[in-house]
């Protein structure tokens, strides 16, 4: 069986390393999450929130928002604030 190489001449697709794309997006989301939680009081609200957000996680919800935006022709930056809001609201 022969395989034919398909070339898209109008656009280069450089999504060869999906893990790097995910890692980059996750770092951006995590950075904004850390900046969003700077208040100290009331402690009963902010300490648990900081604990949950700083414990890491896969950040699937923000990734889905970003990837959906890109699938519809948007850019990651267009969806970044909305993706962080989803993560904050969920937690």
N, C-alpha and C. Protein backbone atom coordinates (compact mmCIF):
# COMPACT_ATOMS: atom_id res chain seq x y z
N UNK A 1 0.84 -1.17 0.00
CA UNK A 1 0.00 0.00 0.00
C UNK A 1 0.88 1.23 0.00
N UNK A 2 0.66 2.14 -0.92
CA UNK A 2 1.42 3.38 -0.99
C UNK A 2 0.64 4.51 -0.32
N UNK A 3 1.40 5.34 0.37
CA UNK A 3 0.80 6.51 1.00
C UNK A 3 1.22 7.74 0.24
N UNK A 4 0.31 8.67 0.13
CA UNK A 4 0.57 9.90 -0.58
C UNK A 4 0.75 11.02 0.44
N UNK A 5 1.78 11.81 0.26
CA UNK A 5 2.02 12.94 1.15
C UNK A 5 1.13 14.10 0.70
N UNK A 6 0.38 14.64 1.64
CA UNK A 6 -0.50 15.76 1.34
C UNK A 6 0.14 17.03 1.88
N UNK A 7 0.26 18.03 1.06
CA UNK A 7 0.86 19.30 1.45
C UNK A 7 -0.18 20.40 1.35
N UNK A 8 -0.28 21.18 2.40
CA UNK A 8 -1.15 22.34 2.39
C UNK A 8 -0.27 23.54 2.08
N UNK A 9 -0.43 24.08 0.90
CA UNK A 9 0.49 25.11 0.45
C UNK A 9 0.20 26.48 1.06
N UNK A 10 -1.04 26.77 1.41
CA UNK A 10 -1.37 28.10 1.90
C UNK A 10 -1.07 28.31 3.38
N UNK A 11 -0.74 27.26 4.08
CA UNK A 11 -0.53 27.38 5.51
C UNK A 11 0.37 26.26 6.01
N UNK A 12 1.30 26.61 6.90
CA UNK A 12 2.12 25.59 7.54
C UNK A 12 1.50 25.24 8.87
N UNK A 13 1.34 23.99 9.13
CA UNK A 13 0.80 23.55 10.40
C UNK A 13 1.95 23.02 11.23
N UNK A 14 2.23 23.71 12.34
CA UNK A 14 3.38 23.36 13.16
C UNK A 14 2.97 22.74 14.50
N UNK A 15 1.89 22.06 14.52
CA UNK A 15 1.40 21.44 15.75
C UNK A 15 1.96 20.03 15.90
N UNK A 16 3.26 19.89 15.73
CA UNK A 16 3.85 18.57 15.77
C UNK A 16 3.99 18.04 17.19
N UNK A 17 4.16 18.93 18.15
CA UNK A 17 4.33 18.48 19.53
C UNK A 17 3.17 18.99 20.37
N UNK A 18 2.13 18.19 20.46
CA UNK A 18 0.92 18.57 21.18
C UNK A 18 1.20 18.78 22.66
N UNK A 19 2.13 18.04 23.21
CA UNK A 19 2.45 18.20 24.62
C UNK A 19 3.04 19.58 24.91
N UNK A 20 3.85 20.09 24.00
CA UNK A 20 4.43 21.42 24.18
C UNK A 20 3.36 22.50 24.10
N UNK A 21 2.42 22.34 23.18
CA UNK A 21 1.32 23.30 23.06
C UNK A 21 0.50 23.31 24.34
N UNK A 22 0.14 22.13 24.82
CA UNK A 22 -0.62 22.01 26.06
C UNK A 22 0.14 22.62 27.23
N UNK A 23 1.42 22.30 27.34
CA UNK A 23 2.25 22.81 28.44
C UNK A 23 2.31 24.33 28.41
N UNK A 24 2.49 24.91 27.23
CA UNK A 24 2.56 26.36 27.08
C UNK A 24 1.24 27.00 27.50
N UNK A 25 0.13 26.48 27.04
CA UNK A 25 -1.18 27.03 27.38
C UNK A 25 -1.44 26.89 28.88
N UNK A 26 -1.10 25.75 29.45
CA UNK A 26 -1.33 25.51 30.87
C UNK A 26 -0.51 26.48 31.71
N UNK A 27 0.72 26.74 31.32
CA UNK A 27 1.56 27.70 32.04
C UNK A 27 0.95 29.09 32.02
N UNK A 28 0.40 29.48 30.88
CA UNK A 28 -0.25 30.79 30.77
C UNK A 28 -1.46 30.86 31.69
N UNK A 29 -2.28 29.83 31.69
CA UNK A 29 -3.47 29.79 32.54
C UNK A 29 -3.06 29.80 34.01
N UNK A 30 -2.09 28.99 34.39
CA UNK A 30 -1.64 28.93 35.78
C UNK A 30 -1.09 30.28 36.24
N UNK A 31 -0.36 30.96 35.37
CA UNK A 31 0.19 32.27 35.72
C UNK A 31 -0.90 33.28 36.01
N UNK A 32 -1.93 33.29 35.20
CA UNK A 32 -3.04 34.22 35.43
C UNK A 32 -3.81 33.85 36.69
N UNK A 33 -3.97 32.55 36.93
CA UNK A 33 -4.65 32.11 38.16
C UNK A 33 -3.89 32.58 39.39
N UNK A 34 -2.57 32.46 39.37
CA UNK A 34 -1.76 32.90 40.51
C UNK A 34 -1.91 34.41 40.73
N UNK A 35 -1.94 35.17 39.66
CA UNK A 35 -2.08 36.62 39.77
C UNK A 35 -3.47 37.03 40.24
N UNK A 36 -4.46 36.23 39.93
CA UNK A 36 -5.84 36.57 40.26
C UNK A 36 -6.13 36.47 41.75
N UNK A 37 -5.40 35.63 42.45
CA UNK A 37 -5.67 35.40 43.86
C UNK A 37 -4.56 36.04 44.69
N UNK A 38 -4.65 37.34 44.87
CA UNK A 38 -3.62 38.05 45.64
C UNK A 38 -4.15 38.56 46.98
N UNK A 39 -5.47 38.62 47.13
CA UNK A 39 -6.04 39.11 48.40
C UNK A 39 -5.80 38.09 49.50
N UNK A 40 -5.77 38.59 50.71
CA UNK A 40 -5.53 37.72 51.87
C UNK A 40 -6.78 37.52 52.72
N UNK A 41 -7.69 38.48 52.68
CA UNK A 41 -8.86 38.44 53.55
C UNK A 41 -10.13 38.40 52.72
N UNK A 42 -11.14 37.70 53.11
CA UNK A 42 -11.22 36.83 54.28
C UNK A 42 -10.45 35.53 54.04
N UNK A 43 -9.72 35.13 55.03
CA UNK A 43 -8.86 33.95 54.92
C UNK A 43 -9.65 32.70 54.60
N UNK A 44 -10.86 32.61 55.14
CA UNK A 44 -11.68 31.41 54.91
C UNK A 44 -12.07 31.26 53.44
N UNK A 45 -12.00 32.34 52.68
CA UNK A 45 -12.29 32.27 51.24
C UNK A 45 -11.02 32.06 50.43
N UNK A 46 -9.99 32.88 50.72
CA UNK A 46 -8.82 32.90 49.85
C UNK A 46 -7.83 31.78 50.11
N UNK A 47 -7.69 31.31 51.33
CA UNK A 47 -6.75 30.21 51.58
C UNK A 47 -7.17 28.92 50.88
N UNK A 48 -8.42 28.49 51.00
CA UNK A 48 -8.81 27.27 50.27
C UNK A 48 -8.72 27.45 48.75
N UNK A 49 -9.06 28.63 48.27
CA UNK A 49 -8.98 28.88 46.83
C UNK A 49 -7.54 28.80 46.34
N UNK A 50 -6.63 29.42 47.09
CA UNK A 50 -5.21 29.35 46.73
C UNK A 50 -4.71 27.91 46.77
N UNK A 51 -5.11 27.17 47.78
CA UNK A 51 -4.68 25.78 47.91
C UNK A 51 -5.13 24.97 46.69
N UNK A 52 -6.38 25.12 46.31
CA UNK A 52 -6.92 24.36 45.18
C UNK A 52 -6.22 24.75 43.88
N UNK A 53 -6.06 26.04 43.66
CA UNK A 53 -5.48 26.50 42.40
C UNK A 53 -3.98 26.26 42.32
N UNK A 54 -3.29 26.29 43.44
CA UNK A 54 -1.85 26.06 43.43
C UNK A 54 -1.48 24.59 43.46
N UNK A 55 -2.45 23.72 43.68
CA UNK A 55 -2.14 22.30 43.74
C UNK A 55 -1.92 21.70 42.35
N UNK A 56 -2.07 22.52 41.35
CA UNK A 56 -1.83 22.04 39.99
C UNK A 56 -3.11 21.52 39.38
N UNK A 57 -3.00 20.46 38.69
CA UNK A 57 -4.15 19.91 37.99
C UNK A 57 -3.92 19.98 36.49
N UNK A 58 -4.77 19.33 35.77
CA UNK A 58 -4.61 19.26 34.31
C UNK A 58 -5.14 20.48 33.60
N UNK A 59 -6.04 21.21 34.25
CA UNK A 59 -6.66 22.40 33.66
C UNK A 59 -7.40 22.06 32.37
N UNK A 60 -8.16 20.98 32.43
CA UNK A 60 -8.91 20.52 31.25
C UNK A 60 -9.94 21.55 30.82
N UNK A 61 -10.68 22.13 31.76
CA UNK A 61 -11.72 23.10 31.39
C UNK A 61 -11.14 24.29 30.63
N UNK A 62 -10.09 24.93 31.14
CA UNK A 62 -9.53 26.04 30.38
C UNK A 62 -9.00 25.61 29.00
N UNK A 63 -8.43 24.41 28.95
CA UNK A 63 -7.92 23.94 27.66
C UNK A 63 -9.06 23.75 26.66
N UNK A 64 -10.19 23.24 27.12
CA UNK A 64 -11.33 23.06 26.22
C UNK A 64 -11.82 24.39 25.68
N UNK A 65 -11.85 25.41 26.53
CA UNK A 65 -12.27 26.74 26.07
C UNK A 65 -11.29 27.27 25.02
N UNK A 66 -10.02 27.15 25.28
CA UNK A 66 -9.00 27.66 24.35
C UNK A 66 -9.03 26.88 23.03
N UNK A 67 -9.08 25.57 23.11
CA UNK A 67 -9.08 24.77 21.89
C UNK A 67 -10.35 24.98 21.07
N UNK A 68 -11.49 25.17 21.74
CA UNK A 68 -12.73 25.46 21.01
C UNK A 68 -12.62 26.80 20.29
N UNK A 69 -12.05 27.78 20.94
CA UNK A 69 -11.85 29.09 20.31
C UNK A 69 -10.96 28.95 19.08
N UNK A 70 -9.86 28.23 19.21
CA UNK A 70 -8.96 28.03 18.08
C UNK A 70 -9.63 27.25 16.95
N UNK A 71 -10.46 26.28 17.30
CA UNK A 71 -11.14 25.48 16.28
C UNK A 71 -12.09 26.34 15.45
N UNK A 72 -12.56 27.43 16.06
CA UNK A 72 -13.48 28.31 15.35
C UNK A 72 -12.77 29.52 14.73
N UNK A 73 -11.44 29.47 14.72
CA UNK A 73 -10.67 30.50 14.04
C UNK A 73 -10.11 31.59 14.94
N UNK A 74 -10.35 31.50 16.24
CA UNK A 74 -9.81 32.49 17.16
C UNK A 74 -8.39 32.17 17.58
N UNK A 75 -7.86 33.02 18.42
CA UNK A 75 -6.50 32.82 18.95
C UNK A 75 -6.59 32.50 20.44
N UNK A 76 -5.53 31.90 20.94
CA UNK A 76 -5.48 31.54 22.35
C UNK A 76 -5.72 32.76 23.23
N UNK A 77 -5.15 33.89 22.87
CA UNK A 77 -5.31 35.10 23.66
C UNK A 77 -6.76 35.56 23.73
N UNK A 78 -7.54 35.25 22.69
CA UNK A 78 -8.96 35.62 22.68
C UNK A 78 -9.74 34.88 23.76
N UNK A 79 -9.31 33.70 24.11
CA UNK A 79 -10.05 32.85 25.04
C UNK A 79 -9.41 32.75 26.42
N UNK A 80 -8.25 33.37 26.60
CA UNK A 80 -7.49 33.17 27.83
C UNK A 80 -8.26 33.62 29.07
N UNK A 81 -8.82 34.81 29.07
CA UNK A 81 -9.54 35.29 30.25
C UNK A 81 -10.79 34.45 30.53
N UNK A 82 -11.50 34.08 29.50
CA UNK A 82 -12.69 33.24 29.68
C UNK A 82 -12.29 31.87 30.24
N UNK A 83 -11.18 31.32 29.77
CA UNK A 83 -10.76 30.01 30.25
C UNK A 83 -10.37 30.05 31.73
N UNK A 84 -9.72 31.14 32.14
CA UNK A 84 -9.37 31.30 33.55
C UNK A 84 -10.63 31.48 34.40
N UNK A 85 -11.59 32.24 33.89
CA UNK A 85 -12.84 32.44 34.62
C UNK A 85 -13.56 31.12 34.84
N UNK A 86 -13.57 30.27 33.84
CA UNK A 86 -14.20 28.95 33.97
C UNK A 86 -13.53 28.15 35.08
N UNK A 87 -12.22 28.18 35.13
CA UNK A 87 -11.49 27.43 36.16
C UNK A 87 -11.76 28.00 37.55
N UNK A 88 -11.80 29.32 37.66
CA UNK A 88 -12.09 29.94 38.96
C UNK A 88 -13.50 29.61 39.43
N UNK A 89 -14.45 29.71 38.53
CA UNK A 89 -15.84 29.43 38.90
C UNK A 89 -16.05 27.97 39.28
N UNK A 90 -15.36 27.09 38.60
CA UNK A 90 -15.53 25.67 38.90
C UNK A 90 -14.98 25.34 40.29
N UNK A 91 -13.85 25.95 40.63
CA UNK A 91 -13.23 25.66 41.91
C UNK A 91 -13.82 26.50 43.01
